[in-house]
Amino acid sequence: MKELSLHILDIIENSINAKATTIKLRIFEDLKDNLLIIEIKDNGKGMNKEMLSKVLDPFVTSRTTRRVGLGLSLTKLAANQCAGDLVIDSTKNEGTSVLITFQYGHIDRAPIGNMADTVVSMILANENIDYEYIHKVNDKEFIFNTKEIKESLEGVSVTEIDIIAWIKEYIEEGISSLRCCRPL
């Protein structure tokens, strides 16, 4: 995949399929220590130990629409090629956590990609899930939480076109503020 945001979207699709009601996405760009950390946590149905031990095999999937589960194995490969790793922790009926690390400045690391479109896609995939997106660059932090937005909308759907347009713009501005004036 050309952008890490596509890997993130694939993992979040797994969380949605696992019936998660809360999905937390954290991205930490640590420029000082040359590290990129992506963490995705959900409260879905989780995996038993047997499935957890096989989940990174590209020919194992719980999906019935296709016979391969390339998403996690491709993400792990991308991380490994950039002096990083992918670690999954999951407990049946409690949820799953995926931690992905990359050497930030590695020549083979794909760009993070369009996170505003990724978050909007997550919301449109299932508006009933509470999504939390935290993006940090060194000491600057941007936080987006659909639960707070839903409460302020007082019953208006978060997927209304004007709300989605505002969310996209809000996230773009938030990420842009993280990139502004950062030291080289």
N, C-alpha and C. Protein backbone atom coordinates (compact mmCIF):
# COMPACT_ATOMS: atom_id res chain seq x y z
N MET A 1 0.84 -1.18 0.00
CA MET A 1 0.00 0.00 0.00
C MET A 1 0.89 1.24 0.00
N LYS A 2 0.44 2.24 -0.70
CA LYS A 2 1.26 3.44 -0.90
C LYS A 2 1.27 4.39 0.28
N GLU A 3 0.27 4.27 1.15
CA GLU A 3 0.18 5.16 2.31
C GLU A 3 -0.15 4.34 3.55
N LEU A 4 0.38 4.75 4.69
CA LEU A 4 0.09 4.05 5.94
C LEU A 4 -1.38 4.20 6.33
N SER A 5 -2.01 5.28 5.90
CA SER A 5 -3.43 5.48 6.22
C SER A 5 -4.28 4.34 5.67
N LEU A 6 -3.87 3.72 4.58
CA LEU A 6 -4.61 2.59 4.02
C LEU A 6 -4.45 1.35 4.89
N HIS A 7 -3.25 1.15 5.45
CA HIS A 7 -3.05 0.06 6.41
C HIS A 7 -3.93 0.29 7.64
N ILE A 8 -3.96 1.53 8.09
CA ILE A 8 -4.78 1.87 9.27
C ILE A 8 -6.25 1.57 8.99
N LEU A 9 -6.72 1.98 7.84
CA LEU A 9 -8.12 1.74 7.47
C LEU A 9 -8.43 0.25 7.43
N ASP A 10 -7.49 -0.54 6.93
CA ASP A 10 -7.69 -2.00 6.87
C ASP A 10 -7.81 -2.59 8.27
N ILE A 11 -6.96 -2.14 9.19
CA ILE A 11 -7.01 -2.64 10.57
C ILE A 11 -8.31 -2.20 11.23
N ILE A 12 -8.72 -0.98 10.99
CA ILE A 12 -9.97 -0.49 11.58
C ILE A 12 -11.17 -1.24 11.02
N GLU A 13 -11.10 -1.64 9.77
CA GLU A 13 -12.16 -2.48 9.20
C GLU A 13 -12.27 -3.78 9.99
N ASN A 14 -11.12 -4.34 10.39
CA ASN A 14 -11.13 -5.54 11.25
C ASN A 14 -11.84 -5.24 12.56
N SER A 15 -11.57 -4.08 13.15
CA SER A 15 -12.22 -3.70 14.41
C SER A 15 -13.73 -3.55 14.24
N ILE A 16 -14.13 -2.96 13.12
CA ILE A 16 -15.56 -2.82 12.85
C ILE A 16 -16.21 -4.19 12.70
N ASN A 17 -15.54 -5.09 11.97
CA ASN A 17 -16.06 -6.45 11.80
C ASN A 17 -16.09 -7.23 13.10
N ALA A 18 -15.25 -6.83 14.06
CA ALA A 18 -15.21 -7.48 15.37
C ALA A 18 -16.24 -6.89 16.32
N LYS A 19 -17.15 -6.07 15.78
CA LYS A 19 -18.26 -5.49 16.55
C LYS A 19 -17.81 -4.54 17.65
N ALA A 20 -16.71 -3.82 17.40
CA ALA A 20 -16.24 -2.83 18.37
C ALA A 20 -17.24 -1.69 18.47
N THR A 21 -17.38 -1.13 19.66
CA THR A 21 -18.20 0.06 19.85
C THR A 21 -17.32 1.29 20.08
N THR A 22 -16.06 1.05 20.39
CA THR A 22 -15.08 2.12 20.58
C THR A 22 -13.79 1.71 19.87
N ILE A 23 -13.27 2.62 19.06
CA ILE A 23 -11.99 2.39 18.39
C ILE A 23 -11.12 3.62 18.63
N LYS A 24 -9.92 3.36 19.14
CA LYS A 24 -8.97 4.45 19.43
C LYS A 24 -7.77 4.31 18.50
N LEU A 25 -7.45 5.40 17.82
CA LEU A 25 -6.32 5.46 16.92
C LEU A 25 -5.37 6.53 17.42
N ARG A 26 -4.11 6.13 17.65
CA ARG A 26 -3.09 7.08 18.08
C ARG A 26 -1.92 7.02 17.11
N ILE A 27 -1.49 8.18 16.67
CA ILE A 27 -0.30 8.28 15.82
C ILE A 27 0.67 9.22 16.54
N PHE A 28 1.89 8.74 16.74
CA PHE A 28 2.89 9.55 17.41
C PHE A 28 4.12 9.63 16.52
N GLU A 29 4.39 10.84 16.05
CA GLU A 29 5.58 11.11 15.25
C GLU A 29 6.64 11.70 16.18
N ASP A 30 7.59 10.89 16.55
CA ASP A 30 8.66 11.32 17.45
C ASP A 30 9.89 11.62 16.59
N LEU A 31 9.98 12.86 16.17
CA LEU A 31 11.07 13.25 15.27
C LEU A 31 12.42 13.25 15.97
N LYS A 32 12.41 13.50 17.27
CA LYS A 32 13.67 13.53 18.03
C LYS A 32 14.31 12.15 18.08
N ASP A 33 13.48 11.12 18.28
CA ASP A 33 13.99 9.75 18.39
C ASP A 33 13.82 8.95 17.10
N ASN A 34 13.42 9.64 15.99
CA ASN A 34 13.29 9.01 14.69
C ASN A 34 12.35 7.80 14.73
N LEU A 35 11.17 8.01 15.31
CA LEU A 35 10.24 6.91 15.54
C LEU A 35 8.82 7.33 15.16
N LEU A 36 8.12 6.45 14.48
CA LEU A 36 6.70 6.62 14.18
C LEU A 36 5.97 5.46 14.83
N ILE A 37 4.98 5.79 15.65
CA ILE A 37 4.19 4.77 16.35
C ILE A 37 2.73 4.94 15.96
N ILE A 38 2.11 3.85 15.56
CA ILE A 38 0.68 3.83 15.27
C ILE A 38 0.07 2.77 16.17
N GLU A 39 -0.96 3.17 16.91
CA GLU A 39 -1.62 2.23 17.81
C GLU A 39 -3.13 2.28 17.55
N ILE A 40 -3.71 1.12 17.39
CA ILE A 40 -5.15 1.00 17.18
C ILE A 40 -5.69 0.03 18.22
N LYS A 41 -6.64 0.51 19.03
CA LYS A 41 -7.25 -0.31 20.08
C LYS A 41 -8.75 -0.33 19.88
N ASP A 42 -9.34 -1.50 20.12
CA ASP A 42 -10.79 -1.59 20.04
C ASP A 42 -11.32 -2.43 21.20
N ASN A 43 -12.62 -2.35 21.40
CA ASN A 43 -13.27 -3.16 22.43
C ASN A 43 -14.17 -4.22 21.77
N GLY A 44 -13.73 -4.71 20.61
CA GLY A 44 -14.48 -5.72 19.88
C GLY A 44 -14.40 -7.09 20.52
N LYS A 45 -14.78 -8.10 19.74
CA LYS A 45 -14.87 -9.45 20.29
C LYS A 45 -13.53 -10.10 20.57
N GLY A 46 -12.44 -9.51 20.10
CA GLY A 46 -11.12 -10.05 20.39
C GLY A 46 -10.88 -11.39 19.72
N MET A 47 -9.72 -11.97 20.01
CA MET A 47 -9.34 -13.26 19.42
C MET A 47 -8.89 -14.21 20.51
N ASN A 48 -9.13 -15.48 20.28
CA ASN A 48 -8.59 -16.47 21.20
C ASN A 48 -7.10 -16.66 20.87
N LYS A 49 -6.39 -17.39 21.73
CA LYS A 49 -4.94 -17.55 21.58
C LYS A 49 -4.57 -18.25 20.27
N GLU A 50 -5.40 -19.18 19.86
CA GLU A 50 -5.12 -19.90 18.62
C GLU A 50 -5.17 -18.96 17.41
N MET A 51 -6.21 -18.18 17.32
CA MET A 51 -6.33 -17.23 16.20
C MET A 51 -5.24 -16.16 16.29
N LEU A 52 -4.95 -15.69 17.48
CA LEU A 52 -3.91 -14.68 17.67
C LEU A 52 -2.55 -15.20 17.17
N SER A 53 -2.27 -16.48 17.39
CA SER A 53 -0.99 -17.05 16.95
C SER A 53 -0.90 -17.18 15.43
N LYS A 54 -2.04 -17.15 14.72
CA LYS A 54 -2.05 -17.34 13.27
C LYS A 54 -2.41 -16.07 12.51
N VAL A 55 -2.80 -15.02 13.20
CA VAL A 55 -3.40 -13.86 12.54
C VAL A 55 -2.46 -13.15 11.56
N LEU A 56 -1.16 -13.27 11.71
CA LEU A 56 -0.23 -12.62 10.80
C LEU A 56 0.11 -13.47 9.58
N ASP A 57 -0.41 -14.68 9.52
CA ASP A 57 -0.24 -15.54 8.36
C ASP A 57 -1.12 -14.98 7.24
N PRO A 58 -0.55 -14.68 6.07
CA PRO A 58 -1.34 -14.07 5.00
C PRO A 58 -2.44 -14.97 4.45
N PHE A 59 -2.40 -16.25 4.78
CA PHE A 59 -3.41 -17.17 4.26
C PHE A 59 -4.45 -17.56 5.31
N VAL A 60 -4.49 -16.78 6.39
CA VAL A 60 -5.48 -17.02 7.45
C VAL A 60 -6.38 -15.79 7.53
N THR A 61 -7.67 -16.02 7.57
CA THR A 61 -8.63 -14.94 7.72
C THR A 61 -9.90 -15.48 8.35
N SER A 62 -10.62 -14.62 9.02
CA SER A 62 -11.93 -15.00 9.56
C SER A 62 -13.03 -14.56 8.61
N ARG A 63 -12.67 -13.88 7.56
CA ARG A 63 -13.65 -13.39 6.58
C ARG A 63 -14.16 -14.53 5.72
N THR A 64 -15.39 -14.42 5.32
CA THR A 64 -15.98 -15.44 4.45
C THR A 64 -16.01 -14.99 2.99
N THR A 65 -15.69 -13.72 2.72
CA THR A 65 -15.76 -13.21 1.36
C THR A 65 -14.48 -13.45 0.57
N ARG A 66 -13.37 -13.73 1.25
CA ARG A 66 -12.13 -14.06 0.56
C ARG A 66 -11.32 -14.99 1.44
N ARG A 67 -10.39 -15.69 0.81
CA ARG A 67 -9.65 -16.73 1.53
C ARG A 67 -8.32 -16.27 2.11
N VAL A 68 -7.93 -15.06 1.86
CA VAL A 68 -6.65 -14.59 2.38
C VAL A 68 -6.86 -13.38 3.28
N GLY A 69 -5.96 -13.20 4.22
CA GLY A 69 -6.01 -12.07 5.14
C GLY A 69 -4.73 -11.29 5.06
N LEU A 70 -4.48 -10.66 3.92
CA LEU A 70 -3.20 -10.00 3.66
C LEU A 70 -2.96 -8.74 4.48
N GLY A 71 -4.01 -8.10 4.99
CA GLY A 71 -3.87 -6.80 5.63
C GLY A 71 -2.81 -6.72 6.71
N LEU A 72 -2.94 -7.52 7.75
CA LEU A 72 -1.99 -7.45 8.86
C LEU A 72 -0.60 -7.91 8.45
N SER A 73 -0.51 -8.94 7.61
CA SER A 73 0.82 -9.42 7.21
C SER A 73 1.53 -8.38 6.34
N LEU A 74 0.80 -7.66 5.49
CA LEU A 74 1.42 -6.60 4.69
C LEU A 74 1.86 -5.43 5.56
N THR A 75 1.06 -5.11 6.57
CA THR A 75 1.42 -4.04 7.49
C THR A 75 2.68 -4.41 8.27
N LYS A 76 2.74 -5.65 8.73
CA LYS A 76 3.93 -6.11 9.47
C LYS A 76 5.16 -6.05 8.56
N LEU A 77 5.02 -6.48 7.32
CA LEU A 77 6.13 -6.44 6.37
C LEU A 77 6.60 -5.00 6.16
N ALA A 78 5.65 -4.08 5.98
CA ALA A 78 6.00 -2.67 5.79
C ALA A 78 6.77 -2.14 7.00
N ALA A 79 6.33 -2.50 8.20
CA ALA A 79 7.03 -2.05 9.42
C ALA A 79 8.41 -2.67 9.52
N ASN A 80 8.51 -3.97 9.28
CA ASN A 80 9.79 -4.67 9.37
C ASN A 80 10.81 -4.11 8.37
N GLN A 81 10.34 -3.72 7.19
CA GLN A 81 11.25 -3.17 6.18
C GLN A 81 11.76 -1.79 6.56
N CYS A 82 11.16 -1.18 7.58
CA CYS A 82 11.56 0.15 8.02
C CYS A 82 12.07 0.13 9.46
N ALA A 83 12.74 -0.96 9.83
CA ALA A 83 13.34 -1.12 11.16
C ALA A 83 12.30 -1.01 12.27
N GLY A 84 11.09 -1.48 12.00
CA GLY A 84 10.01 -1.45 12.98
C GLY A 84 9.40 -2.82 13.17
N ASP A 85 8.18 -2.82 13.70
CA ASP A 85 7.50 -4.09 13.98
C ASP A 85 6.00 -3.86 14.12
N LEU A 86 5.27 -4.94 14.15
CA LEU A 86 3.84 -4.93 14.42
C LEU A 86 3.58 -5.97 15.50
N VAL A 87 2.92 -5.54 16.57
CA VAL A 87 2.62 -6.43 17.69
C VAL A 87 1.12 -6.37 17.94
N ILE A 88 0.50 -7.52 18.09
CA ILE A 88 -0.93 -7.59 18.35
C ILE A 88 -1.15 -8.23 19.71
N ASP A 89 -2.03 -7.60 20.48
CA ASP A 89 -2.46 -8.15 21.76
C ASP A 89 -3.98 -8.22 21.70
N SER A 90 -4.54 -9.36 22.04
CA SER A 90 -5.98 -9.50 21.97
C SER A 90 -6.47 -10.45 23.05
N THR A 91 -7.61 -10.13 23.60
CA THR A 91 -8.26 -10.97 24.59
C THR A 91 -9.69 -11.21 24.14
N LYS A 92 -10.07 -12.46 24.10
CA LYS A 92 -11.42 -12.84 23.67
C LYS A 92 -12.46 -12.07 24.50
N ASN A 93 -13.43 -11.51 23.83
CA ASN A 93 -14.54 -10.75 24.42
C ASN A 93 -14.12 -9.45 25.11
N GLU A 94 -12.89 -9.00 24.90
CA GLU A 94 -12.43 -7.74 25.49
C GLU A 94 -11.92 -6.75 24.47
N GLY A 95 -11.27 -7.25 23.42
CA GLY A 95 -10.77 -6.34 22.40
C GLY A 95 -9.38 -6.67 21.93
N THR A 96 -8.91 -5.83 21.01
CA THR A 96 -7.62 -6.04 20.36
C THR A 96 -6.85 -4.74 20.31
N SER A 97 -5.54 -4.85 20.42
CA SER A 97 -4.64 -3.72 20.30
C SER A 97 -3.56 -4.07 19.27
N VAL A 98 -3.36 -3.17 18.32
CA VAL A 98 -2.32 -3.35 17.31
C VAL A 98 -1.35 -2.19 17.46
N LEU A 99 -0.09 -2.51 17.67
CA LEU A 99 0.96 -1.50 17.82
C LEU A 99 1.94 -1.68 16.67
N ILE A 100 2.12 -0.61 15.89
CA ILE A 100 2.99 -0.65 14.72
C ILE A 100 4.07 0.43 14.90
N THR A 101 5.31 0.06 14.69
CA THR A 101 6.40 1.02 14.81
C THR A 101 7.21 1.05 13.52
N PHE A 102 7.74 2.21 13.22
CA PHE A 102 8.59 2.42 12.05
C PHE A 102 9.74 3.33 12.46
N GLN A 103 10.88 3.16 11.80
CA GLN A 103 11.91 4.18 11.89
C GLN A 103 11.37 5.35 11.06
N TYR A 104 11.17 6.49 11.69
CA TYR A 104 10.48 7.61 11.04
C TYR A 104 11.15 8.02 9.73
N GLY A 105 12.44 8.18 9.74
CA GLY A 105 13.14 8.69 8.56
C GLY A 105 13.61 7.62 7.60
N HIS A 106 13.18 6.39 7.79
CA HIS A 106 13.62 5.30 6.92
C HIS A 106 13.21 5.59 5.47
N ILE A 107 14.12 5.36 4.56
CA ILE A 107 13.88 5.70 3.16
C ILE A 107 12.71 4.91 2.56
N ASP A 108 12.41 3.74 3.09
CA ASP A 108 11.33 2.91 2.55
C ASP A 108 9.98 3.12 3.25
N ARG A 109 9.96 4.00 4.26
CA ARG A 109 8.68 4.19 4.97
C ARG A 109 7.72 4.97 4.09
N ALA A 110 6.53 4.41 3.94
CA ALA A 110 5.48 5.09 3.17
C ALA A 110 5.03 6.33 3.95
N PRO A 111 4.51 7.33 3.25
CA PRO A 111 3.97 8.49 3.96
C PRO A 111 2.74 8.09 4.76
N ILE A 112 2.43 8.87 5.78
CA ILE A 112 1.25 8.58 6.60
C ILE A 112 -0.01 8.64 5.74
N GLY A 113 -0.10 9.59 4.86
CA GLY A 113 -1.25 9.68 3.97
C GLY A 113 -2.30 10.65 4.49
N ASN A 114 -3.45 10.59 3.90
CA ASN A 114 -4.52 11.53 4.19
C ASN A 114 -5.36 11.03 5.38
N MET A 115 -5.01 11.47 6.56
CA MET A 115 -5.71 11.00 7.76
C MET A 115 -7.10 11.60 7.88
N ALA A 116 -7.34 12.77 7.33
CA ALA A 116 -8.68 13.35 7.38
C ALA A 116 -9.65 12.46 6.60
N ASP A 117 -9.27 12.05 5.41
CA ASP A 117 -10.12 11.15 4.63
C ASP A 117 -10.26 9.79 5.31
N THR A 118 -9.20 9.33 5.95
CA THR A 118 -9.25 8.05 6.65
C THR A 118 -10.26 8.10 7.79
N VAL A 119 -10.21 9.14 8.60
CA VAL A 119 -11.14 9.26 9.73
C VAL A 119 -12.57 9.42 9.23
N VAL A 120 -12.76 10.21 8.19
CA VAL A 120 -14.10 10.36 7.62
C VAL A 120 -14.61 9.01 7.12
N SER A 121 -13.75 8.23 6.47
CA SER A 121 -14.15 6.89 6.00
C SER A 121 -14.54 5.99 7.16
N MET A 122 -13.81 6.09 8.26
CA MET A 122 -14.14 5.30 9.45
C MET A 122 -15.54 5.64 9.94
N ILE A 123 -15.82 6.92 10.03
CA ILE A 123 -17.12 7.37 10.53
C ILE A 123 -18.23 6.91 9.59
N LEU A 124 -18.01 7.06 8.29
CA LEU A 124 -19.03 6.66 7.33
C LEU A 124 -19.23 5.15 7.31
N ALA A 125 -18.19 4.38 7.66
CA ALA A 125 -18.31 2.92 7.69
C ALA A 125 -19.27 2.47 8.79
N ASN A 126 -19.25 3.18 9.92
CA ASN A 126 -20.18 2.86 11.01
C ASN A 126 -20.24 4.04 11.96
N GLU A 127 -21.29 4.84 11.83
CA GLU A 127 -21.43 6.04 12.64
C GLU A 127 -21.74 5.75 14.10
N ASN A 128 -22.14 4.52 14.41
CA ASN A 128 -22.51 4.17 15.79
C ASN A 128 -21.29 3.88 16.66
N ILE A 129 -20.14 3.73 16.05
CA ILE A 129 -18.91 3.49 16.80
C ILE A 129 -18.38 4.83 17.29
N ASP A 130 -17.85 4.85 18.50
CA ASP A 130 -17.17 6.03 19.02
C ASP A 130 -15.70 5.93 18.62
N TYR A 131 -15.25 6.90 17.85
CA TYR A 131 -13.87 6.93 17.38
C TYR A 131 -13.10 8.03 18.12
N GLU A 132 -11.90 7.68 18.52
CA GLU A 132 -10.99 8.66 19.11
C GLU A 132 -9.72 8.63 18.28
N TYR A 133 -9.31 9.78 17.80
CA TYR A 133 -8.10 9.90 16.99
C TYR A 133 -7.20 10.93 17.66
N ILE A 134 -6.03 10.47 18.05
CA ILE A 134 -5.03 11.35 18.66
C ILE A 134 -3.80 11.31 17.78
N HIS A 135 -3.35 12.48 17.37
CA HIS A 135 -2.16 12.57 16.54
C HIS A 135 -1.19 13.52 17.24
N LYS A 136 0.00 13.03 17.45
CA LYS A 136 1.00 13.80 18.18
C LYS A 136 2.27 13.89 17.35
N VAL A 137 2.83 15.09 17.26
CA VAL A 137 4.13 15.30 16.64
C VAL A 137 5.00 15.95 17.71
N ASN A 138 5.98 15.20 18.19
CA ASN A 138 6.80 15.62 19.32
C ASN A 138 5.90 16.03 20.49
N ASP A 139 5.90 17.30 20.87
CA ASP A 139 5.11 17.73 22.03
C ASP A 139 3.75 18.33 21.66
N LYS A 140 3.46 18.45 20.37
CA LYS A 140 2.18 19.01 19.93
C LYS A 140 1.19 17.88 19.73
N GLU A 141 -0.07 18.14 20.12
CA GLU A 141 -1.06 17.07 20.06
C GLU A 141 -2.39 17.58 19.51
N PHE A 142 -3.02 16.75 18.68
CA PHE A 142 -4.36 17.02 18.16
C PHE A 142 -5.26 15.85 18.58
N ILE A 143 -6.44 16.17 19.11
CA ILE A 143 -7.37 15.14 19.57
C ILE A 143 -8.72 15.35 18.89
N PHE A 144 -9.26 14.27 18.36
CA PHE A 144 -10.58 14.27 17.74
C PHE A 144 -11.37 13.12 18.34
N ASN A 145 -12.61 13.40 18.75
CA ASN A 145 -13.42 12.38 19.40
C ASN A 145 -14.87 12.49 18.93
N THR A 146 -15.37 11.44 18.28
CA THR A 146 -16.74 11.50 17.76
C THR A 146 -17.78 11.52 18.87
N LYS A 147 -17.46 10.94 20.01
CA LYS A 147 -18.43 10.93 21.12
C LYS A 147 -18.78 12.36 21.53
N GLU A 148 -17.78 13.21 21.64
CA GLU A 148 -18.01 14.61 22.00
C GLU A 148 -18.81 15.33 20.92
N ILE A 149 -18.50 15.04 19.66
CA ILE A 149 -19.22 15.69 18.57
C ILE A 149 -20.67 15.24 18.55
N LYS A 150 -20.91 13.95 18.72
CA LYS A 150 -22.28 13.42 18.72
C LYS A 150 -23.11 14.06 19.84
N GLU A 151 -22.50 14.24 21.00
CA GLU A 151 -23.21 14.86 22.11
C GLU A 151 -23.60 16.30 21.77
N SER A 152 -22.72 17.03 21.11
CA SER A 152 -23.02 18.42 20.77
C SER A 152 -24.03 18.54 19.63
N LEU A 153 -24.18 17.49 18.83
CA LEU A 153 -25.11 17.52 17.70
C LEU A 153 -26.56 17.28 18.13
N GLU A 154 -26.74 16.80 19.35
CA GLU A 154 -28.08 16.59 19.92
C GLU A 154 -29.02 15.85 18.97
N GLY A 155 -28.57 14.66 18.51
CA GLY A 155 -29.44 13.80 17.71
C GLY A 155 -29.26 13.92 16.21
N VAL A 156 -28.57 14.93 15.73
CA VAL A 156 -28.29 15.05 14.29
C VAL A 156 -27.20 14.03 13.96
N SER A 157 -27.37 13.32 12.84
CA SER A 157 -26.41 12.30 12.45
C SER A 157 -25.05 12.90 12.14
N VAL A 158 -24.03 12.24 12.64
CA VAL A 158 -22.66 12.67 12.39
C VAL A 158 -22.29 12.46 10.91
N THR A 159 -23.10 11.70 10.17
CA THR A 159 -22.81 11.45 8.76
C THR A 159 -23.52 12.43 7.82
N GLU A 160 -24.22 13.42 8.36
CA GLU A 160 -24.80 14.46 7.51
C GLU A 160 -23.67 15.11 6.72
N ILE A 161 -23.94 15.43 5.47
CA ILE A 161 -22.90 15.93 4.57
C ILE A 161 -22.18 17.16 5.11
N ASP A 162 -22.92 18.09 5.71
CA ASP A 162 -22.28 19.30 6.26
C ASP A 162 -21.40 18.96 7.46
N ILE A 163 -21.83 18.00 8.27
CA ILE A 163 -21.06 17.59 9.45
C ILE A 163 -19.77 16.89 8.99
N ILE A 164 -19.89 16.00 8.02
CA ILE A 164 -18.71 15.29 7.49
C ILE A 164 -17.72 16.29 6.89
N ALA A 165 -18.22 17.26 6.14
CA ALA A 165 -17.33 18.28 5.55
C ALA A 165 -16.62 19.06 6.65
N TRP A 166 -17.35 19.41 7.72
CA TRP A 166 -16.73 20.12 8.84
C TRP A 166 -15.68 19.25 9.53
N ILE A 167 -16.00 17.97 9.75
CA ILE A 167 -15.06 17.05 10.39
C ILE A 167 -13.77 16.96 9.59
N LYS A 168 -13.91 16.79 8.28
CA LYS A 168 -12.72 16.69 7.43
C LYS A 168 -11.87 17.95 7.53
N GLU A 169 -12.50 19.11 7.45
CA GLU A 169 -11.76 20.37 7.55
C GLU A 169 -11.12 20.54 8.93
N TYR A 170 -11.85 20.16 9.97
CA TYR A 170 -11.34 20.27 11.34
C TYR A 170 -10.09 19.40 11.51
N ILE A 171 -10.13 18.18 11.00
CA ILE A 171 -8.98 17.28 11.12
C ILE A 171 -7.81 17.80 10.29
N GLU A 172 -8.07 18.26 9.08
CA GLU A 172 -7.00 18.81 8.25
C GLU A 172 -6.32 19.98 8.95
N GLU A 173 -7.11 20.87 9.55
CA GLU A 173 -6.53 22.01 10.27
C GLU A 173 -5.75 21.55 11.50
N GLY A 174 -6.28 20.56 12.21
CA GLY A 174 -5.61 20.04 13.39
C GLY A 174 -4.26 19.42 13.06
N ILE A 175 -4.22 18.63 12.00
CA ILE A 175 -2.96 18.01 11.59
C ILE A 175 -2.00 19.07 11.07
N SER A 176 -2.52 20.03 10.33
CA SER A 176 -1.69 21.11 9.82
C SER A 176 -1.03 21.89 10.95
N SER A 177 -1.78 22.09 12.04
CA SER A 177 -1.21 22.82 13.18
C SER A 177 -0.07 22.06 13.83
N LEU A 178 -0.06 20.74 13.69
CA LEU A 178 1.04 19.93 14.24
C LEU A 178 2.30 20.10 13.41
N ARG A 179 2.13 20.33 12.15
CA ARG A 179 3.25 20.43 11.22
C ARG A 179 3.82 21.84 11.15
N CYS A 180 3.04 22.80 11.56
CA CYS A 180 3.47 24.20 11.50
C CYS A 180 4.65 24.44 12.43
N CYS A 181 5.65 25.05 11.89
CA CYS A 181 6.76 25.57 12.70
C CYS A 181 7.53 24.48 13.44
N ARG A 182 7.52 23.25 12.93
CA ARG A 182 8.29 22.21 13.62
C ARG A 182 9.77 22.34 13.28
N PRO A 183 10.62 22.04 14.22
CA PRO A 183 12.05 22.17 13.97
C PRO A 183 12.52 21.15 12.94
N LEU A 184 13.50 21.52 12.15
CA LEU A 184 14.05 20.62 11.14
C LEU A 184 15.07 19.68 11.71
